[in-house]
Amino acid sequence: MTNFDERLTLAKTILRELSRAPLSRTTLDKRVTREIGTHASCEGMFCYLIQKGCIQKSGQKKRDPYCITEKGRKLLEGLP
């Protein structure tokens, strides 16, 4: 598997988990690292998806969970 394929798989895993239900950052990290990747790779992809508007915080409080956006749903549908 190439580095690009690994990143696509990581993005798909993060988006898939958030499409099921909003999750805290810690819970999401545990689920994704258990399935694929390391904390560092998950953190990088998580920040990238926030920056691109694919995921967002569901509220203003510090501990509010993250959820997938419409843009993130479209990206998830388009990923192999």
C-alpha atoms as a PDB file:
ATOM      1  CA  MET A   1       0.000   0.000   0.000  1.00  0.00           C
ATOM      2  CA  THR A   2       1.365   3.409  -0.914  1.00  0.00           C
ATOM      3  CA  ASN A   3       1.525   6.417   1.365  1.00  0.00           C
ATOM      4  CA  PHE A   4      -1.265   8.055  -0.658  1.00  0.00           C
ATOM      5  CA  ASP A   5      -3.480   4.980  -0.285  1.00  0.00           C
ATOM      6  CA  GLU A   6      -2.834   4.945   3.456  1.00  0.00           C
ATOM      7  CA  ARG A   7      -3.898   8.577   3.744  1.00  0.00           C
ATOM      8  CA  LEU A   8      -7.081   7.927   1.780  1.00  0.00           C
ATOM      9  CA  THR A   9      -7.876   4.965   4.015  1.00  0.00           C
ATOM     10  CA  LEU A  10      -7.239   7.066   7.110  1.00  0.00           C
ATOM     11  CA  ALA A  11      -9.488   9.881   5.858  1.00  0.00           C
ATOM     12  CA  LYS A  12     -12.207   7.384   4.979  1.00  0.00           C
ATOM     13  CA  THR A  13     -11.997   5.762   8.417  1.00  0.00           C
ATOM     14  CA  ILE A  14     -12.267   9.100  10.249  1.00  0.00           C
ATOM     15  CA  LEU A  15     -15.189  10.266   8.110  1.00  0.00           C
ATOM     16  CA  ARG A  16     -16.962   6.909   8.380  1.00  0.00           C
ATOM     17  CA  GLU A  17     -16.736   6.944  12.193  1.00  0.00           C
ATOM     18  CA  LEU A  18     -18.099  10.488  12.360  1.00  0.00           C
ATOM     19  CA  SER A  19     -20.897   9.697   9.904  1.00  0.00           C
ATOM     20  CA  ARG A  20     -22.195   7.103  12.363  1.00  0.00           C
ATOM     21  CA  ALA A  21     -22.362   9.521  15.308  1.00  0.00           C
ATOM     22  CA  PRO A  22     -20.635  12.660  16.636  1.00  0.00           C
ATOM     23  CA  LEU A  23     -17.564  11.687  18.665  1.00  0.00           C
ATOM     24  CA  SER A  24     -15.120  13.353  21.005  1.00  0.00           C
ATOM     25  CA  ARG A  25     -11.600  13.736  19.709  1.00  0.00           C
ATOM     26  CA  THR A  26     -10.272  11.157  22.172  1.00  0.00           C
ATOM     27  CA  THR A  27     -12.901   8.549  21.295  1.00  0.00           C
ATOM     28  CA  LEU A  28     -12.368   9.097  17.586  1.00  0.00           C
ATOM     29  CA  ASP A  29      -8.600   8.788  17.980  1.00  0.00           C
ATOM     30  CA  LYS A  30      -8.949   5.506  19.914  1.00  0.00           C
ATOM     31  CA  ARG A  31     -11.289   3.998  17.326  1.00  0.00           C
ATOM     32  CA  VAL A  32      -9.187   5.017  14.349  1.00  0.00           C
ATOM     33  CA  THR A  33      -5.823   3.993  15.815  1.00  0.00           C
ATOM     34  CA  ARG A  34      -7.294   0.631  16.787  1.00  0.00           C
ATOM     35  CA  GLU A  35      -8.352   0.074  13.183  1.00  0.00           C
ATOM     36  CA  ILE A  36      -5.507   1.746  11.271  1.00  0.00           C
ATOM     37  CA  GLY A  37      -2.682   4.213  11.728  1.00  0.00           C
ATOM     38  CA  THR A  38      -0.927   5.823  14.639  1.00  0.00           C
ATOM     39  CA  HIS A  39      -1.854   8.770  16.812  1.00  0.00           C
ATOM     40  CA  ALA A  40       0.461  11.062  14.830  1.00  0.00           C
ATOM     41  CA  SER A  41      -1.000  10.109  11.449  1.00  0.00           C
ATOM     42  CA  CYS A  42      -4.560  10.384  12.783  1.00  0.00           C
ATOM     43  CA  GLU A  43      -3.840  13.808  14.261  1.00  0.00           C
ATOM     44  CA  GLY A  44      -2.458  15.095  10.964  1.00  0.00           C
ATOM     45  CA  MET A  45      -5.428  13.851   8.939  1.00  0.00           C
ATOM     46  CA  PHE A  46      -7.885  15.093  11.590  1.00  0.00           C
ATOM     47  CA  CYS A  47      -6.437  18.618  11.381  1.00  0.00           C
ATOM     48  CA  TYR A  48      -6.453  18.480   7.571  1.00  0.00           C
ATOM     49  CA  LEU A  49     -10.135  17.473   7.491  1.00  0.00           C
ATOM     50  CA  ILE A  50     -11.035  20.321   9.873  1.00  0.00           C
ATOM     51  CA  GLN A  51      -9.079  22.808   7.761  1.00  0.00           C
ATOM     52  CA  LYS A  52     -10.862  21.643   4.586  1.00  0.00           C
ATOM     53  CA  GLY A  53     -14.298  21.884   6.240  1.00  0.00           C
ATOM     54  CA  CYS A  54     -15.065  18.157   6.152  1.00  0.00           C
ATOM     55  CA  ILE A  55     -15.524  17.901   9.914  1.00  0.00           C
ATOM     56  CA  GLN A  56     -16.374  20.440  12.584  1.00  0.00           C
ATOM     57  CA  LYS A  57     -17.117  20.768  16.262  1.00  0.00           C
ATOM     58  CA  SER A  58     -20.807  20.354  17.041  1.00  0.00           C
ATOM     59  CA  GLY A  59     -20.769  23.197  19.590  1.00  0.00           C
ATOM     60  CA  GLN A  60     -18.695  25.937  21.179  1.00  0.00           C
ATOM     61  CA  LYS A  61     -17.635  24.153  24.378  1.00  0.00           C
ATOM     62  CA  LYS A  62     -14.176  22.657  24.719  1.00  0.00           C
ATOM     63  CA  ARG A  63     -15.412  19.058  25.135  1.00  0.00           C
ATOM     64  CA  ASP A  64     -18.148  19.130  22.472  1.00  0.00           C
ATOM     65  CA  PRO A  65     -17.959  16.244  19.989  1.00  0.00           C
ATOM     66  CA  TYR A  66     -16.957  16.543  16.347  1.00  0.00           C
ATOM     67  CA  CYS A  67     -19.306  15.734  13.492  1.00  0.00           C
ATOM     68  CA  ILE A  68     -19.099  15.301   9.738  1.00  0.00           C
ATOM     69  CA  THR A  69     -20.236  18.150   7.483  1.00  0.00           C
ATOM     70  CA  GLU A  70     -22.063  17.931   4.167  1.00  0.00           C
ATOM     71  CA  LYS A  71     -18.741  18.464   2.415  1.00  0.00           C
ATOM     72  CA  GLY A  72     -17.312  15.562   4.410  1.00  0.00           C
ATOM     73  CA  ARG A  73     -20.254  13.321   3.441  1.00  0.00           C
ATOM     74  CA  LYS A  74     -19.655  14.065  -0.234  1.00  0.00           C
ATOM     75  CA  LEU A  75     -15.951  13.306   0.157  1.00  0.00           C
ATOM     76  CA  LEU A  76     -16.760  10.037   1.950  1.00  0.00           C
ATOM     77  CA  GLU A  77     -19.064   8.994  -0.896  1.00  0.00           C
ATOM     78  CA  GLY A  78     -16.319   9.720  -3.429  1.00  0.00           C
ATOM     79  CA  LEU A  79     -13.540   7.823  -1.655  1.00  0.00           C
ATOM     80  CA  PRO A  80     -12.790   4.308  -2.946  1.00  0.00           C
END
